[in-house]
Protein backbone atom coordinates (compact mmCIF):
# COMPACT_ATOMS: atom_id res chain seq x y z
CA MET A 1 59.37 -7.85 -77.69
CA ALA A 2 59.62 -4.10 -78.33
CA ILE A 3 56.28 -2.97 -79.75
CA ASN A 4 57.89 0.14 -81.14
CA CYS A 5 59.27 -1.98 -83.78
CA LEU A 6 55.90 -3.14 -84.78
CA SER A 7 55.53 -4.25 -88.38
CA LEU A 8 52.13 -5.53 -88.54
CA PRO A 9 50.09 -7.67 -90.98
CA ALA A 10 48.86 -6.54 -94.41
CA THR A 11 45.56 -5.27 -93.49
CA PRO A 12 43.66 -2.37 -95.30
CA THR A 13 43.52 0.97 -93.85
CA PHE A 14 39.95 1.73 -92.94
CA PRO A 15 38.42 5.30 -91.99
CA LEU A 16 38.09 6.00 -88.35
CA PRO A 17 34.70 5.71 -87.15
CA SER A 18 34.24 9.54 -86.84
CA ARG A 19 33.84 9.86 -90.42
CA SER A 20 30.89 7.72 -90.51
CA PHE A 21 28.73 9.86 -88.19
CA SER A 22 27.76 12.09 -91.09
CA THR A 23 26.16 9.30 -92.95
CA VAL A 24 24.64 7.74 -89.89
CA ILE A 25 22.97 10.89 -88.44
CA ARG A 26 22.32 12.87 -91.91
CA SER A 27 18.66 13.45 -92.51
CA SER A 28 16.44 15.86 -94.10
CA LEU A 29 13.84 15.39 -91.33
CA THR A 30 13.57 17.12 -88.06
CA ASP A 31 13.64 15.14 -84.78
CA GLN A 32 10.01 16.17 -84.28
CA SER A 33 8.95 14.46 -87.52
CA GLN A 34 11.01 11.27 -86.71
CA SER A 35 9.77 8.03 -85.04
CA PRO A 36 10.76 7.94 -81.32
CA SER A 37 13.47 5.32 -82.03
CA LEU A 38 15.18 7.25 -84.79
CA ALA A 39 15.14 10.53 -82.70
CA ALA A 40 16.54 8.79 -79.76
CA LYS A 41 19.21 7.11 -81.96
CA ARG A 42 20.30 10.42 -83.57
CA HIS A 43 20.19 12.18 -80.32
CA LEU A 44 22.58 9.65 -78.92
CA LEU A 45 24.79 9.72 -82.03
CA ARG A 46 25.18 13.45 -81.83
CA LEU A 47 26.26 13.24 -78.24
CA ILE A 48 29.06 10.99 -78.93
CA ALA A 49 30.15 12.25 -82.38
CA ASP A 50 32.88 14.54 -80.85
CA GLN A 51 34.08 12.30 -78.10
CA ASP A 52 36.92 10.58 -79.69
CA ARG A 53 35.36 7.06 -79.19
CA GLY A 54 35.14 7.90 -75.48
CA ILE A 55 38.48 9.41 -74.50
CA LYS A 56 37.05 12.82 -74.18
CA THR A 57 34.26 11.53 -72.09
CA GLN A 58 36.50 10.21 -69.37
CA SER A 59 37.04 13.60 -68.19
CA ASP A 60 33.74 14.95 -68.55
CA PRO A 61 31.13 13.62 -65.98
CA GLN A 62 28.25 15.77 -67.34
CA LYS A 63 28.71 14.59 -70.97
CA LEU A 64 28.85 11.00 -69.69
CA SER A 65 25.79 11.51 -67.68
CA GLN A 66 24.05 12.83 -70.70
CA ILE A 67 25.12 9.86 -72.97
CA ILE A 68 23.96 7.32 -70.35
CA ASP A 69 20.58 9.10 -70.24
CA ALA A 70 20.32 8.66 -73.96
CA ILE A 71 21.38 5.02 -73.88
CA ASP A 72 18.75 4.43 -71.30
CA SER A 73 16.15 6.11 -73.32
CA LEU A 74 17.20 4.02 -76.33
CA ALA A 75 17.19 0.82 -74.17
CA ALA A 76 13.65 1.46 -73.21
CA ILE A 77 12.54 1.51 -76.76
CA GLY A 78 14.54 -1.75 -77.45
CA ARG A 79 13.11 -3.45 -74.13
CA GLY A 80 11.34 -6.75 -75.05
CA THR A 81 12.94 -7.18 -78.43
CA VAL A 82 15.26 -9.89 -79.41
CA THR A 83 18.78 -8.75 -80.06
CA THR A 84 20.62 -12.05 -80.06
CA ASP A 85 19.34 -13.77 -83.34
CA LYS A 86 21.08 -13.52 -86.67
CA SER A 87 21.04 -9.65 -86.81
CA LEU A 88 23.71 -9.77 -84.09
CA SER A 89 26.12 -11.62 -86.56
CA ALA A 90 28.24 -8.87 -88.20
CA THR A 91 31.41 -6.88 -88.18
CA TRP A 92 30.84 -4.17 -85.65
CA ARG A 93 32.75 -1.02 -85.37
CA MET A 94 33.16 0.88 -82.30
CA LEU A 95 31.73 4.49 -82.07
CA TRP A 96 32.01 5.00 -78.27
CA THR A 97 32.81 3.14 -75.17
CA THR A 98 33.56 3.44 -71.38
CA GLU A 99 35.80 0.49 -71.44
CA LYS A 100 39.06 1.74 -69.92
CA GLU A 101 41.31 -0.98 -71.43
CA GLN A 102 40.33 -0.41 -74.84
CA LEU A 103 40.59 3.49 -74.44
CA PHE A 104 43.91 3.12 -72.96
CA ILE A 105 45.22 1.40 -75.87
CA ILE A 106 43.61 3.76 -78.39
CA LYS A 107 44.97 6.85 -76.41
CA ASN A 108 48.50 5.45 -76.01
CA ALA A 109 49.12 3.62 -79.17
CA PRO A 110 51.36 6.45 -80.48
CA THR A 111 53.58 5.72 -77.59
CA PHE A 112 54.38 2.42 -78.97
CA GLY A 113 55.27 3.93 -82.29
CA THR A 114 51.76 3.09 -83.96
CA SER A 115 48.24 4.29 -83.93
CA ALA A 116 44.97 2.59 -83.29
CA GLY A 117 42.49 2.16 -86.21
CA ASP A 118 39.24 0.54 -86.16
CA VAL A 119 38.18 -1.21 -82.90
CA LEU A 120 35.84 -4.08 -83.85
CA GLN A 121 33.56 -6.81 -82.46
CA VAL A 122 33.15 -9.65 -84.97
CA ILE A 123 30.35 -11.99 -84.00
CA ASP A 124 29.01 -15.02 -85.63
CA VAL A 125 25.95 -16.37 -83.77
CA ASP A 126 25.77 -19.50 -85.70
CA GLN A 127 29.29 -20.42 -85.03
CA LYS A 128 29.23 -19.24 -81.42
CA THR A 129 32.41 -17.09 -81.96
CA LEU A 130 33.23 -13.43 -81.10
CA ASN A 131 36.67 -11.69 -81.85
CA ASN A 132 37.38 -8.41 -80.15
CA VAL A 133 39.75 -6.61 -82.36
CA ILE A 134 42.01 -3.55 -82.44
CA THR A 135 43.62 -2.73 -85.72
CA PHE A 136 46.83 -0.81 -86.19
CA PRO A 137 46.93 0.42 -89.75
CA PRO A 138 48.38 -0.28 -92.25
CA ASP A 139 49.97 -3.46 -91.06
CA GLY A 140 48.59 -5.02 -87.72
CA VAL A 141 46.15 -6.12 -85.37
CA PHE A 142 45.57 -7.32 -81.83
CA PHE A 143 42.51 -9.54 -81.24
CA VAL A 144 41.10 -11.83 -78.61
CA ARG A 145 38.95 -14.84 -79.51
CA SER A 146 35.73 -15.76 -77.54
CA GLU A 147 33.36 -18.60 -77.49
CA ILE A 148 29.66 -17.38 -77.08
CA GLN A 149 26.36 -18.69 -76.03
CA VAL A 150 23.15 -16.99 -76.45
CA ALA A 151 21.57 -16.83 -72.78
CA SER A 152 18.39 -14.99 -73.39
CA ALA A 153 16.55 -12.58 -75.81
CA GLN A 154 19.15 -9.91 -75.20
CA ARG A 155 22.11 -11.62 -73.19
CA VAL A 156 25.15 -13.30 -74.61
CA ASN A 157 27.50 -15.19 -72.59
CA PHE A 158 31.22 -15.19 -73.41
CA GLN A 159 34.42 -16.94 -72.51
CA PHE A 160 37.81 -15.95 -73.87
CA THR A 161 39.75 -18.51 -75.42
CA SER A 162 42.97 -17.05 -76.90
CA ALA A 163 44.57 -13.62 -77.72
CA VAL A 164 47.13 -12.73 -80.40
CA LEU A 165 49.25 -9.94 -81.29
CA ARG A 166 50.05 -10.27 -84.81
CA GLY A 167 52.65 -8.58 -86.87
CA LYS A 168 54.17 -8.76 -90.39
CA GLY A 169 55.70 -12.32 -90.52
CA TRP A 170 55.36 -12.79 -86.49
CA GLU A 171 52.65 -13.54 -84.06
CA PHE A 172 52.71 -13.36 -80.37
CA PRO A 173 50.09 -15.53 -78.68
CA LEU A 174 48.74 -14.56 -75.30
CA PRO A 175 46.67 -16.61 -72.75
CA PRO A 176 42.87 -16.38 -72.33
CA PHE A 177 41.86 -14.23 -69.46
CA GLY A 178 38.22 -14.08 -68.58
CA GLN A 179 34.62 -14.69 -69.22
CA GLY A 180 31.34 -12.74 -68.78
CA TRP A 181 28.30 -11.42 -70.55
CA PHE A 182 26.97 -8.50 -72.44
CA ASP A 183 23.38 -7.35 -73.26
CA SER A 184 22.55 -5.79 -76.54
CA LEU A 185 20.09 -3.14 -75.38
CA TYR A 186 19.26 -2.05 -78.81
CA ILE A 187 19.92 -3.07 -82.32
CA ASP A 188 18.85 -2.05 -85.74
CA ASP A 189 20.38 -2.12 -89.42
CA GLU A 190 22.90 0.58 -88.31
CA ILE A 191 24.07 0.54 -84.72
CA ARG A 192 23.95 -1.58 -81.57
CA VAL A 193 24.02 -0.46 -77.87
CA VAL A 194 25.61 -2.70 -75.48
CA LYS A 195 26.02 -2.97 -71.48
CA ASP A 196 28.18 -5.70 -70.00
CA ILE A 197 28.86 -7.39 -66.82
CA ARG A 198 31.28 -4.65 -65.66
CA GLN A 199 28.66 -1.99 -66.33
CA ASP A 200 30.58 -0.64 -69.15
CA TYR A 201 28.72 0.71 -72.20
CA LEU A 202 29.75 0.28 -75.89
CA ILE A 203 28.05 1.71 -79.06
CA VAL A 204 28.95 0.20 -82.35
CA GLU A 205 27.96 0.46 -85.87
CA ARG A 206 27.79 -2.15 -88.66
CA ALA A 207 31.22 -1.78 -90.41
CA PRO A 208 31.22 -1.45 -94.32
CA TYR A 209 33.47 -4.47 -94.51
CA SER A 210 33.84 -7.94 -92.93
CA TRP A 211 36.96 -8.54 -90.74
CA LYS A 212 38.62 -12.11 -90.95
CA GLU A 213 41.60 -13.32 -89.26
């Protein structure tokens, strides 16, 4: 099947994550007057704001080190908190990651005659489900379904169950291909910071919409 003929399903076009940074980090307060968690969060968001969701970080070891240090600082603040309760249930939009597979798709989507839109994690703790989603505005989506199990205060185990590349009027199923775990190191009403079984990092924000299949 030629992906450059992709005619993908009618899904709304959403703004890319970079547009949300001004909302997330805007404040009339200085860092010195902020709480430690707010200052640490805004420092992290400033570091990733110009990194094209992690693509630029791949070739900048110094920036990567700075971002990981900032993640560690925020994780220290989140240590001992519960991040696997109902607050985890949301449509989360990716701001930055070190996950090479996702970054490869984002970077190379134009090669296949399309472009990557929002990259999402859609989690429902009660239903024990997680969808990893890459949208291709205006018409399409690739998503991987998973079953999840809360393992501890910050860890969730997952197992992939199926994957689908969906186009306008067609659908191409793919087999499930793995399992693992991720730790939500920090969570609040705006963002979540994640480290997974492969030692990859993910920073996501609560999307202003709910994604459904």
